[in-house]
Amino acid sequence: YSLYFNNTKLRVSVAKPVTRFVMGISLKYISYQYEKNDYSAINPDLSTSDMKSANIGLDTGIIYKIIENKIFAGLSVLNLNQPDMGLIGEDRLKLQAKGELGLKFSGFLLSAALQYYDKGISKLSLGAESKIISENFLLRMGFDNSFLPCLGFTVKIRQDPEAGIDYAVKFGDEVKNNNGSHYFTVFIIF
């Protein structure tokens, strides 16, 4: 949410381990809505539209465990169906690909990811996760090539089936005094 617009994504994901692979698919609801204010009143694109758009997107991914519980590699493809998010005319989200490499050691998980978007690498992300407090409480931090921080935590509520809550915030600089983008996840692993 900002002074000018808000954006919501609701995602349902399912993943299945198959030998050393974990394969998954996500269905996501995406919505954009611009606020009526002095800025939107003078913007010709917004003044001729209903100022909101919503659609369903499809993502997929695969993780390969190179060395069990030590090293993994992942690949995901976002916007497989290229949903139309145009306010006036057609404006389809472009395909994005993301590759990741992770290393686990001494209670830490370190990861690096490259995101490919629109004919080039658009983002490099680095992160770390640790079970510093307990097995049921994970802390995360990271940043991307803009050097803006991301922070998060996971709380596991039960073990069998494994269930919990995840929260993350990514700070941005697009709008002055931006309070960040917030991500909430509820998960069940059975």
N, C-alpha and C. Protein backbone atom coordinates (compact mmCIF):
# COMPACT_ATOMS: atom_id res chain seq x y z
N TYR A 1 0.85 -1.18 0.00
CA TYR A 1 0.00 0.00 0.00
C TYR A 1 0.89 1.23 0.00
N SER A 2 0.51 2.26 -0.76
CA SER A 2 1.22 3.54 -0.76
C SER A 2 0.18 4.64 -0.87
N LEU A 3 0.63 5.86 -1.00
CA LEU A 3 -0.29 6.98 -1.18
C LEU A 3 -1.02 6.89 -2.52
N TYR A 4 -0.46 6.18 -3.49
CA TYR A 4 -1.00 6.16 -4.85
C TYR A 4 -1.71 4.87 -5.23
N PHE A 5 -1.27 3.74 -4.72
CA PHE A 5 -1.89 2.49 -5.11
C PHE A 5 -1.66 1.43 -4.06
N ASN A 6 -2.44 0.35 -4.15
CA ASN A 6 -2.14 -0.83 -3.35
C ASN A 6 -2.17 -2.04 -4.26
N ASN A 7 -1.42 -3.03 -3.88
CA ASN A 7 -1.24 -4.24 -4.66
C ASN A 7 -1.38 -5.42 -3.72
N THR A 8 -2.20 -6.40 -4.10
CA THR A 8 -2.40 -7.57 -3.26
C THR A 8 -2.16 -8.82 -4.08
N LYS A 9 -1.44 -9.78 -3.50
CA LYS A 9 -1.27 -11.09 -4.11
C LYS A 9 -1.64 -12.14 -3.07
N LEU A 10 -2.53 -13.03 -3.45
CA LEU A 10 -2.87 -14.17 -2.61
C LEU A 10 -2.45 -15.41 -3.37
N ARG A 11 -1.67 -16.27 -2.73
CA ARG A 11 -1.08 -17.41 -3.42
C ARG A 11 -1.41 -18.71 -2.70
N VAL A 12 -1.75 -19.73 -3.48
CA VAL A 12 -1.93 -21.08 -2.96
C VAL A 12 -0.91 -21.94 -3.70
N SER A 13 -0.04 -22.62 -2.95
CA SER A 13 1.03 -23.42 -3.54
C SER A 13 0.95 -24.85 -3.05
N VAL A 14 1.33 -25.76 -3.93
CA VAL A 14 1.40 -27.18 -3.60
C VAL A 14 2.73 -27.70 -4.13
N ALA A 15 3.45 -28.46 -3.31
CA ALA A 15 4.73 -29.04 -3.73
C ALA A 15 4.77 -30.51 -3.35
N LYS A 16 5.49 -31.30 -4.14
CA LYS A 16 5.58 -32.74 -3.91
C LYS A 16 7.02 -33.19 -4.08
N PRO A 17 7.60 -33.85 -3.05
CA PRO A 17 8.95 -34.42 -3.21
C PRO A 17 8.89 -35.68 -4.07
N VAL A 18 9.83 -35.79 -5.01
CA VAL A 18 9.98 -36.98 -5.85
C VAL A 18 11.47 -37.27 -5.91
N THR A 19 11.92 -38.31 -5.23
CA THR A 19 13.34 -38.66 -5.05
C THR A 19 14.11 -37.42 -4.56
N ARG A 20 15.08 -36.93 -5.33
CA ARG A 20 15.89 -35.77 -4.91
C ARG A 20 15.31 -34.44 -5.38
N PHE A 21 14.14 -34.48 -5.99
CA PHE A 21 13.50 -33.27 -6.49
C PHE A 21 12.29 -32.92 -5.62
N VAL A 22 11.97 -31.63 -5.59
CA VAL A 22 10.71 -31.16 -5.04
C VAL A 22 10.10 -30.29 -6.13
N MET A 23 8.91 -30.70 -6.61
CA MET A 23 8.25 -29.97 -7.69
C MET A 23 7.01 -29.30 -7.14
N GLY A 24 6.74 -28.08 -7.62
CA GLY A 24 5.59 -27.36 -7.11
C GLY A 24 4.91 -26.49 -8.14
N ILE A 25 3.71 -26.06 -7.79
CA ILE A 25 2.93 -25.17 -8.64
C ILE A 25 2.18 -24.20 -7.73
N SER A 26 2.00 -22.97 -8.19
CA SER A 26 1.28 -21.96 -7.43
C SER A 26 0.23 -21.29 -8.30
N LEU A 27 -0.91 -21.06 -7.70
CA LEU A 27 -1.97 -20.28 -8.31
C LEU A 27 -2.04 -18.99 -7.50
N LYS A 28 -2.04 -17.84 -8.17
CA LYS A 28 -2.04 -16.58 -7.42
C LYS A 28 -3.10 -15.62 -7.96
N TYR A 29 -3.76 -14.94 -7.03
CA TYR A 29 -4.69 -13.88 -7.34
C TYR A 29 -3.93 -12.57 -7.20
N ILE A 30 -3.94 -11.74 -8.24
CA ILE A 30 -3.19 -10.48 -8.24
C ILE A 30 -4.19 -9.35 -8.45
N SER A 31 -4.08 -8.29 -7.65
CA SER A 31 -4.93 -7.12 -7.87
C SER A 31 -4.11 -5.84 -7.67
N TYR A 32 -4.42 -4.84 -8.50
CA TYR A 32 -3.86 -3.50 -8.38
C TYR A 32 -5.05 -2.55 -8.24
N GLN A 33 -4.92 -1.57 -7.38
CA GLN A 33 -5.96 -0.55 -7.29
C GLN A 33 -5.30 0.78 -6.99
N TYR A 34 -5.59 1.78 -7.83
CA TYR A 34 -5.06 3.12 -7.63
C TYR A 34 -6.04 3.94 -6.81
N GLU A 35 -5.53 4.78 -5.95
CA GLU A 35 -6.36 5.62 -5.09
C GLU A 35 -6.79 6.87 -5.84
N LYS A 36 -7.98 7.34 -5.56
CA LYS A 36 -8.46 8.60 -6.13
C LYS A 36 -7.85 9.73 -5.32
N ASN A 37 -7.01 10.53 -5.98
CA ASN A 37 -6.37 11.66 -5.32
C ASN A 37 -5.96 12.67 -6.39
N ASP A 38 -5.22 13.68 -6.01
CA ASP A 38 -4.82 14.73 -6.96
C ASP A 38 -3.95 14.15 -8.08
N TYR A 39 -3.09 13.20 -7.75
CA TYR A 39 -2.23 12.59 -8.77
C TYR A 39 -3.06 11.80 -9.80
N SER A 40 -3.95 10.94 -9.33
CA SER A 40 -4.72 10.12 -10.26
C SER A 40 -5.68 10.96 -11.10
N ALA A 41 -6.10 12.10 -10.58
CA ALA A 41 -7.02 12.97 -11.33
C ALA A 41 -6.35 13.58 -12.56
N ILE A 42 -5.04 13.81 -12.51
CA ILE A 42 -4.35 14.42 -13.66
C ILE A 42 -3.64 13.40 -14.55
N ASN A 43 -3.62 12.13 -14.15
CA ASN A 43 -2.98 11.09 -14.95
C ASN A 43 -3.99 10.59 -15.98
N PRO A 44 -3.70 10.78 -17.29
CA PRO A 44 -4.68 10.39 -18.32
C PRO A 44 -4.97 8.89 -18.33
N ASP A 45 -4.00 8.05 -17.98
CA ASP A 45 -4.24 6.61 -17.97
C ASP A 45 -5.21 6.21 -16.86
N LEU A 46 -5.14 6.90 -15.74
CA LEU A 46 -6.01 6.56 -14.61
C LEU A 46 -7.38 7.21 -14.70
N SER A 47 -7.43 8.40 -15.27
CA SER A 47 -8.71 9.11 -15.32
C SER A 47 -9.70 8.46 -16.28
N THR A 48 -9.22 7.62 -17.21
CA THR A 48 -10.12 6.97 -18.16
C THR A 48 -10.38 5.51 -17.82
N SER A 49 -9.95 5.06 -16.66
CA SER A 49 -10.14 3.66 -16.29
C SER A 49 -10.89 3.57 -14.97
N ASP A 50 -11.25 2.34 -14.58
CA ASP A 50 -11.90 2.16 -13.28
C ASP A 50 -10.88 2.08 -12.15
N MET A 51 -9.60 2.28 -12.47
CA MET A 51 -8.49 2.38 -11.53
C MET A 51 -8.18 1.09 -10.79
N LYS A 52 -8.65 -0.06 -11.30
CA LYS A 52 -8.28 -1.33 -10.67
C LYS A 52 -8.25 -2.44 -11.71
N SER A 53 -7.47 -3.45 -11.39
CA SER A 53 -7.34 -4.60 -12.27
C SER A 53 -7.06 -5.82 -11.39
N ALA A 54 -7.57 -6.99 -11.80
CA ALA A 54 -7.34 -8.22 -11.05
C ALA A 54 -7.32 -9.39 -12.02
N ASN A 55 -6.53 -10.42 -11.69
CA ASN A 55 -6.45 -11.60 -12.54
C ASN A 55 -5.81 -12.75 -11.76
N ILE A 56 -5.76 -13.93 -12.39
CA ILE A 56 -5.17 -15.13 -11.80
C ILE A 56 -3.89 -15.45 -12.55
N GLY A 57 -2.79 -15.74 -11.82
CA GLY A 57 -1.52 -16.11 -12.42
C GLY A 57 -1.11 -17.52 -12.03
N LEU A 58 -0.19 -18.08 -12.78
CA LEU A 58 0.27 -19.44 -12.56
C LEU A 58 1.80 -19.45 -12.55
N ASP A 59 2.40 -20.04 -11.50
CA ASP A 59 3.85 -20.17 -11.36
C ASP A 59 4.19 -21.64 -11.14
N THR A 60 5.43 -22.01 -11.44
CA THR A 60 5.89 -23.36 -11.17
C THR A 60 7.36 -23.33 -10.76
N GLY A 61 7.80 -24.40 -10.11
CA GLY A 61 9.20 -24.45 -9.70
C GLY A 61 9.64 -25.85 -9.37
N ILE A 62 10.97 -26.01 -9.32
CA ILE A 62 11.57 -27.31 -8.99
C ILE A 62 12.84 -27.05 -8.17
N ILE A 63 13.05 -27.88 -7.16
CA ILE A 63 14.27 -27.83 -6.35
C ILE A 63 14.97 -29.17 -6.49
N TYR A 64 16.28 -29.15 -6.70
CA TYR A 64 17.07 -30.37 -6.78
C TYR A 64 18.03 -30.38 -5.59
N LYS A 65 17.97 -31.46 -4.80
CA LYS A 65 18.86 -31.61 -3.65
C LYS A 65 20.15 -32.24 -4.14
N ILE A 66 21.17 -31.40 -4.36
CA ILE A 66 22.46 -31.87 -4.88
C ILE A 66 23.12 -32.79 -3.85
N ILE A 67 23.20 -32.33 -2.61
CA ILE A 67 23.65 -33.15 -1.48
C ILE A 67 22.59 -32.98 -0.40
N GLU A 68 21.92 -34.08 -0.03
CA GLU A 68 20.80 -34.05 0.91
C GLU A 68 21.13 -33.24 2.16
N ASN A 69 20.28 -32.28 2.52
CA ASN A 69 20.42 -31.41 3.69
C ASN A 69 21.70 -30.58 3.71
N LYS A 70 22.32 -30.39 2.55
CA LYS A 70 23.55 -29.59 2.50
C LYS A 70 23.51 -28.55 1.37
N ILE A 71 23.31 -29.02 0.12
CA ILE A 71 23.36 -28.13 -1.04
C ILE A 71 22.14 -28.39 -1.92
N PHE A 72 21.48 -27.30 -2.38
CA PHE A 72 20.35 -27.46 -3.28
C PHE A 72 20.40 -26.39 -4.37
N ALA A 73 19.72 -26.67 -5.46
CA ALA A 73 19.57 -25.72 -6.57
C ALA A 73 18.09 -25.68 -6.93
N GLY A 74 17.60 -24.52 -7.30
CA GLY A 74 16.20 -24.38 -7.64
C GLY A 74 16.00 -23.55 -8.89
N LEU A 75 14.89 -23.78 -9.56
CA LEU A 75 14.50 -23.01 -10.74
C LEU A 75 13.00 -22.79 -10.66
N SER A 76 12.57 -21.56 -10.85
CA SER A 76 11.13 -21.28 -10.90
C SER A 76 10.82 -20.41 -12.09
N VAL A 77 9.60 -20.56 -12.60
CA VAL A 77 9.10 -19.76 -13.72
C VAL A 77 7.81 -19.11 -13.24
N LEU A 78 7.78 -17.78 -13.32
CA LEU A 78 6.62 -17.01 -12.86
C LEU A 78 5.81 -16.52 -14.05
N ASN A 79 4.52 -16.36 -13.83
CA ASN A 79 3.59 -15.84 -14.83
C ASN A 79 3.52 -16.71 -16.08
N LEU A 80 3.40 -18.02 -15.88
CA LEU A 80 3.31 -18.95 -17.00
C LEU A 80 2.18 -18.59 -17.97
N ASN A 81 1.05 -18.17 -17.44
CA ASN A 81 -0.10 -17.84 -18.28
C ASN A 81 -0.13 -16.36 -18.67
N GLN A 82 0.86 -15.59 -18.27
CA GLN A 82 0.98 -14.16 -18.57
C GLN A 82 -0.35 -13.43 -18.39
N PRO A 83 -0.83 -13.32 -17.14
CA PRO A 83 -2.14 -12.70 -16.90
C PRO A 83 -2.18 -11.23 -17.32
N ASP A 84 -3.32 -10.81 -17.82
CA ASP A 84 -3.53 -9.43 -18.26
C ASP A 84 -3.86 -8.56 -17.05
N MET A 85 -3.03 -7.54 -16.78
CA MET A 85 -3.24 -6.64 -15.65
C MET A 85 -3.47 -5.20 -16.11
N GLY A 86 -3.88 -5.02 -17.37
CA GLY A 86 -4.07 -3.68 -17.92
C GLY A 86 -5.23 -2.93 -17.29
N LEU A 87 -5.04 -1.64 -17.09
CA LEU A 87 -6.10 -0.79 -16.58
C LEU A 87 -7.02 -0.33 -17.71
N ILE A 88 -6.44 -0.06 -18.89
CA ILE A 88 -7.22 0.41 -20.03
C ILE A 88 -7.21 -0.65 -21.12
N GLY A 89 -6.04 -0.91 -21.70
CA GLY A 89 -5.89 -1.94 -22.72
C GLY A 89 -5.18 -3.14 -22.13
N GLU A 90 -4.78 -4.05 -23.00
CA GLU A 90 -4.09 -5.27 -22.56
C GLU A 90 -2.69 -4.93 -22.06
N ASP A 91 -2.31 -5.49 -20.93
CA ASP A 91 -0.98 -5.31 -20.35
C ASP A 91 -0.64 -6.61 -19.62
N ARG A 92 -0.05 -7.55 -20.34
CA ARG A 92 0.21 -8.88 -19.80
C ARG A 92 1.52 -8.89 -19.01
N LEU A 93 1.51 -9.57 -17.86
CA LEU A 93 2.73 -9.75 -17.08
C LEU A 93 3.67 -10.67 -17.86
N LYS A 94 4.93 -10.33 -17.90
CA LYS A 94 5.91 -11.10 -18.66
C LYS A 94 6.41 -12.30 -17.86
N LEU A 95 6.85 -13.31 -18.61
CA LEU A 95 7.48 -14.48 -17.97
C LEU A 95 8.72 -14.03 -17.22
N GLN A 96 8.97 -14.65 -16.08
CA GLN A 96 10.18 -14.41 -15.31
C GLN A 96 10.74 -15.76 -14.90
N ALA A 97 12.05 -15.87 -14.91
CA ALA A 97 12.71 -17.10 -14.46
C ALA A 97 13.65 -16.73 -13.32
N LYS A 98 13.76 -17.64 -12.34
CA LYS A 98 14.61 -17.40 -11.19
C LYS A 98 15.38 -18.67 -10.88
N GLY A 99 16.69 -18.55 -10.75
CA GLY A 99 17.54 -19.66 -10.36
C GLY A 99 18.14 -19.38 -9.00
N GLU A 100 18.28 -20.43 -8.18
CA GLU A 100 18.77 -20.24 -6.82
C GLU A 100 19.72 -21.37 -6.44
N LEU A 101 20.69 -21.03 -5.62
CA LEU A 101 21.62 -22.01 -5.08
C LEU A 101 21.68 -21.80 -3.57
N GLY A 102 21.58 -22.89 -2.80
CA GLY A 102 21.58 -22.79 -1.35
C GLY A 102 22.58 -23.74 -0.72
N LEU A 103 23.09 -23.34 0.45
CA LEU A 103 24.07 -24.12 1.19
C LEU A 103 23.68 -24.10 2.66
N LYS A 104 23.53 -25.31 3.28
CA LYS A 104 23.21 -25.43 4.70
C LYS A 104 24.45 -25.90 5.45
N PHE A 105 24.74 -25.24 6.57
CA PHE A 105 25.83 -25.69 7.44
C PHE A 105 25.68 -25.06 8.82
N SER A 106 25.99 -25.80 9.85
CA SER A 106 26.01 -25.33 11.24
C SER A 106 24.78 -24.52 11.63
N GLY A 107 23.61 -24.95 11.25
CA GLY A 107 22.38 -24.26 11.62
C GLY A 107 22.05 -23.05 10.78
N PHE A 108 22.82 -22.80 9.72
CA PHE A 108 22.58 -21.66 8.84
C PHE A 108 22.23 -22.16 7.44
N LEU A 109 21.42 -21.37 6.74
CA LEU A 109 21.14 -21.58 5.32
C LEU A 109 21.53 -20.29 4.61
N LEU A 110 22.47 -20.39 3.69
CA LEU A 110 22.87 -19.25 2.86
C LEU A 110 22.36 -19.50 1.46
N SER A 111 21.84 -18.45 0.79
CA SER A 111 21.32 -18.63 -0.55
C SER A 111 21.64 -17.43 -1.43
N ALA A 112 21.72 -17.70 -2.72
CA ALA A 112 21.91 -16.67 -3.74
C ALA A 112 20.95 -16.98 -4.88
N ALA A 113 20.32 -15.93 -5.42
CA ALA A 113 19.35 -16.14 -6.50
C ALA A 113 19.56 -15.09 -7.58
N LEU A 114 19.38 -15.50 -8.83
CA LEU A 114 19.38 -14.60 -9.98
C LEU A 114 18.01 -14.64 -10.62
N GLN A 115 17.46 -13.48 -10.92
CA GLN A 115 16.16 -13.42 -11.57
C GLN A 115 16.34 -12.87 -12.97
N TYR A 116 15.79 -13.58 -13.95
CA TYR A 116 15.86 -13.19 -15.36
C TYR A 116 14.50 -12.64 -15.77
N TYR A 117 14.51 -11.43 -16.33
CA TYR A 117 13.26 -10.78 -16.70
C TYR A 117 13.49 -9.87 -17.89
N ASP A 118 12.69 -10.02 -18.90
CA ASP A 118 12.69 -9.12 -20.06
C ASP A 118 14.09 -8.99 -20.69
N LYS A 119 14.64 -10.09 -21.11
CA LYS A 119 15.91 -10.15 -21.86
C LYS A 119 17.14 -9.77 -21.06
N GLY A 120 17.14 -10.03 -19.77
CA GLY A 120 18.33 -9.76 -18.99
C GLY A 120 18.14 -10.12 -17.53
N ILE A 121 19.26 -10.18 -16.81
CA ILE A 121 19.21 -10.47 -15.39
C ILE A 121 18.75 -9.19 -14.69
N SER A 122 17.64 -9.27 -13.97
CA SER A 122 17.06 -8.09 -13.37
C SER A 122 17.36 -7.98 -11.87
N LYS A 123 17.73 -9.10 -11.25
CA LYS A 123 17.93 -9.02 -9.80
C LYS A 123 18.88 -10.10 -9.32
N LEU A 124 19.75 -9.73 -8.42
CA LEU A 124 20.60 -10.66 -7.68
C LEU A 124 20.20 -10.53 -6.22
N SER A 125 19.86 -11.63 -5.57
CA SER A 125 19.46 -11.62 -4.17
C SER A 125 20.37 -12.52 -3.36
N LEU A 126 20.73 -12.08 -2.16
CA LEU A 126 21.53 -12.86 -1.22
C LEU A 126 20.80 -12.90 0.11
N GLY A 127 20.82 -14.06 0.79
CA GLY A 127 20.11 -14.16 2.05
C GLY A 127 20.71 -15.17 2.99
N ALA A 128 20.30 -15.10 4.25
CA ALA A 128 20.73 -16.04 5.28
C ALA A 128 19.55 -16.32 6.20
N GLU A 129 19.48 -17.57 6.68
CA GLU A 129 18.44 -17.99 7.60
C GLU A 129 19.09 -18.81 8.70
N SER A 130 18.58 -18.66 9.94
CA SER A 130 19.16 -19.40 11.04
C SER A 130 18.11 -19.79 12.07
N LYS A 131 18.38 -20.91 12.76
CA LYS A 131 17.55 -21.38 13.87
C LYS A 131 18.22 -20.95 15.17
N ILE A 132 18.49 -19.69 15.31
CA ILE A 132 19.24 -19.19 16.47
C ILE A 132 18.50 -19.45 17.77
N ILE A 133 17.22 -19.19 17.81
CA ILE A 133 16.46 -19.30 19.06
C ILE A 133 16.05 -20.75 19.32
N SER A 134 15.43 -21.40 18.33
CA SER A 134 15.02 -22.80 18.49
C SER A 134 14.74 -23.39 17.12
N GLU A 135 14.49 -24.69 17.08
CA GLU A 135 14.14 -25.37 15.84
C GLU A 135 12.81 -24.86 15.27
N ASN A 136 11.99 -24.27 16.14
CA ASN A 136 10.66 -23.81 15.73
C ASN A 136 10.59 -22.32 15.43
N PHE A 137 11.72 -21.62 15.49
CA PHE A 137 11.73 -20.19 15.21
C PHE A 137 12.94 -19.86 14.33
N LEU A 138 12.68 -19.51 13.08
CA LEU A 138 13.74 -19.21 12.12
C LEU A 138 13.78 -17.71 11.84
N LEU A 139 14.96 -17.13 11.82
CA LEU A 139 15.15 -15.73 11.48
C LEU A 139 15.83 -15.63 10.12
N ARG A 140 15.40 -14.66 9.31
CA ARG A 140 15.97 -14.46 7.97
C ARG A 140 16.32 -13.00 7.75
N MET A 141 17.32 -12.78 6.93
CA MET A 141 17.63 -11.44 6.44
C MET A 141 18.29 -11.57 5.08
N GLY A 142 18.19 -10.52 4.30
CA GLY A 142 18.81 -10.55 2.98
C GLY A 142 18.69 -9.20 2.30
N PHE A 143 19.20 -9.15 1.08
CA PHE A 143 19.10 -7.94 0.27
C PHE A 143 19.27 -8.33 -1.19
N ASP A 144 18.87 -7.40 -2.06
CA ASP A 144 19.07 -7.64 -3.49
C ASP A 144 20.02 -6.58 -4.04
N ASN A 145 20.15 -6.51 -5.36
CA ASN A 145 21.14 -5.61 -5.95
C ASN A 145 20.82 -4.13 -5.71
N SER A 146 19.65 -3.80 -5.18
CA SER A 146 19.34 -2.42 -4.79
C SER A 146 19.83 -2.13 -3.37
N PHE A 147 20.33 -3.16 -2.68
CA PHE A 147 20.84 -3.09 -1.30
C PHE A 147 19.79 -2.63 -0.29
N LEU A 148 18.51 -2.88 -0.62
CA LEU A 148 17.44 -2.60 0.34
C LEU A 148 17.19 -3.88 1.14
N PRO A 149 17.09 -3.78 2.46
CA PRO A 149 17.01 -4.98 3.29
C PRO A 149 15.65 -5.68 3.26
N CYS A 150 15.71 -6.97 3.48
CA CYS A 150 14.52 -7.80 3.68
C CYS A 150 14.73 -8.53 5.00
N LEU A 151 13.70 -8.59 5.83
CA LEU A 151 13.77 -9.26 7.12
C LEU A 151 12.56 -10.18 7.25
N GLY A 152 12.72 -11.28 7.98
CA GLY A 152 11.58 -12.17 8.15
C GLY A 152 11.81 -13.20 9.24
N PHE A 153 10.73 -13.90 9.57
CA PHE A 153 10.82 -14.99 10.53
C PHE A 153 9.75 -16.02 10.21
N THR A 154 10.00 -17.25 10.67
CA THR A 154 9.04 -18.35 10.57
C THR A 154 8.84 -18.92 11.96
N VAL A 155 7.58 -19.14 12.33
CA VAL A 155 7.24 -19.78 13.60
C VAL A 155 6.51 -21.07 13.26
N LYS A 156 7.10 -22.21 13.67
CA LYS A 156 6.44 -23.50 13.47
C LYS A 156 5.55 -23.76 14.67
N ILE A 157 4.25 -23.96 14.42
CA ILE A 157 3.27 -24.13 15.49
C ILE A 157 3.13 -25.58 15.90
N ARG A 158 3.25 -26.48 14.94
CA ARG A 158 3.18 -27.92 15.26
C ARG A 158 4.12 -28.69 14.34
N GLN A 159 4.44 -29.93 14.74
CA GLN A 159 5.42 -30.73 14.01
C GLN A 159 4.81 -31.78 13.09
N ASP A 160 3.68 -32.39 13.47
CA ASP A 160 3.15 -33.48 12.65
C ASP A 160 1.64 -33.35 12.48
N PRO A 161 1.10 -32.85 11.40
CA PRO A 161 1.86 -32.32 10.27
C PRO A 161 2.50 -30.97 10.62
N GLU A 162 3.61 -30.67 9.96
CA GLU A 162 4.31 -29.42 10.22
C GLU A 162 3.45 -28.26 9.74
N ALA A 163 3.25 -27.28 10.61
CA ALA A 163 2.43 -26.12 10.28
C ALA A 163 3.01 -24.89 10.94
N GLY A 164 2.79 -23.75 10.35
CA GLY A 164 3.31 -22.54 10.94
C GLY A 164 2.91 -21.28 10.20
N ILE A 165 3.53 -20.20 10.63
CA ILE A 165 3.27 -18.87 10.08
C ILE A 165 4.60 -18.26 9.68
N ASP A 166 4.60 -17.56 8.56
CA ASP A 166 5.81 -16.90 8.07
C ASP A 166 5.47 -15.44 7.79
N TYR A 167 6.38 -14.56 8.16
CA TYR A 167 6.21 -13.13 7.90
C TYR A 167 7.52 -12.59 7.36
N ALA A 168 7.42 -11.71 6.36
CA ALA A 168 8.61 -11.03 5.83
C ALA A 168 8.23 -9.62 5.43
N VAL A 169 9.21 -8.73 5.51
CA VAL A 169 9.01 -7.36 5.04
C VAL A 169 10.21 -6.99 4.18
N LYS A 170 9.91 -6.38 3.05
CA LYS A 170 10.95 -5.87 2.14
C LYS A 170 10.79 -4.37 2.06
N PHE A 171 11.84 -3.66 2.41
CA PHE A 171 11.79 -2.21 2.40
C PHE A 171 12.09 -1.70 1.01
N GLY A 172 11.37 -0.67 0.58
CA GLY A 172 11.53 -0.13 -0.76
C GLY A 172 11.71 1.36 -0.75
N ASP A 173 12.12 1.86 -1.92
CA ASP A 173 12.36 3.30 -1.99
C ASP A 173 11.54 3.98 -3.08
N GLU A 174 10.51 3.30 -3.61
CA GLU A 174 9.75 3.89 -4.70
C GLU A 174 8.95 5.10 -4.25
N VAL A 175 8.41 5.06 -3.05
CA VAL A 175 7.60 6.15 -2.53
C VAL A 175 8.24 6.61 -1.22
N LYS A 176 8.39 7.91 -1.06
CA LYS A 176 9.00 8.44 0.16
C LYS A 176 8.20 7.97 1.37
N ASN A 177 8.89 7.62 2.42
CA ASN A 177 8.29 7.13 3.67
C ASN A 177 7.53 5.81 3.47
N ASN A 178 7.95 5.02 2.52
CA ASN A 178 7.33 3.71 2.26
C ASN A 178 7.57 2.81 3.47
N ASN A 179 6.52 2.17 3.95
CA ASN A 179 6.69 1.28 5.11
C ASN A 179 6.96 -0.16 4.70
N GLY A 180 7.26 -0.39 3.44
CA GLY A 180 7.68 -1.71 3.00
C GLY A 180 6.56 -2.54 2.42
N SER A 181 6.96 -3.67 1.84
CA SER A 181 6.01 -4.65 1.33
C SER A 181 5.99 -5.80 2.31
N HIS A 182 4.80 -6.20 2.72
CA HIS A 182 4.64 -7.21 3.76
C HIS A 182 4.12 -8.51 3.16
N TYR A 183 4.69 -9.63 3.60
CA TYR A 183 4.32 -10.95 3.10
C TYR A 183 3.96 -11.84 4.28
N PHE A 184 2.73 -12.35 4.29
CA PHE A 184 2.27 -13.27 5.33
C PHE A 184 1.98 -14.62 4.69
N THR A 185 2.42 -15.69 5.31
CA THR A 185 2.18 -17.03 4.79
C THR A 185 1.76 -17.94 5.94
N VAL A 186 0.76 -18.76 5.67
CA VAL A 186 0.37 -19.84 6.58
C VAL A 186 0.68 -21.13 5.82
N PHE A 187 1.41 -22.07 6.43
CA PHE A 187 1.80 -23.27 5.70
C PHE A 187 1.50 -24.54 6.49
N ILE A 188 1.24 -25.61 5.74
CA ILE A 188 1.04 -26.95 6.29
C ILE A 188 1.84 -27.91 5.41
N ILE A 189 2.69 -28.72 6.01
CA ILE A 189 3.49 -29.71 5.29
C ILE A 189 3.11 -31.08 5.80
N PHE A 190 2.56 -31.92 4.91
CA PHE A 190 2.15 -33.28 5.32
C PHE A 190 2.52 -34.29 4.25
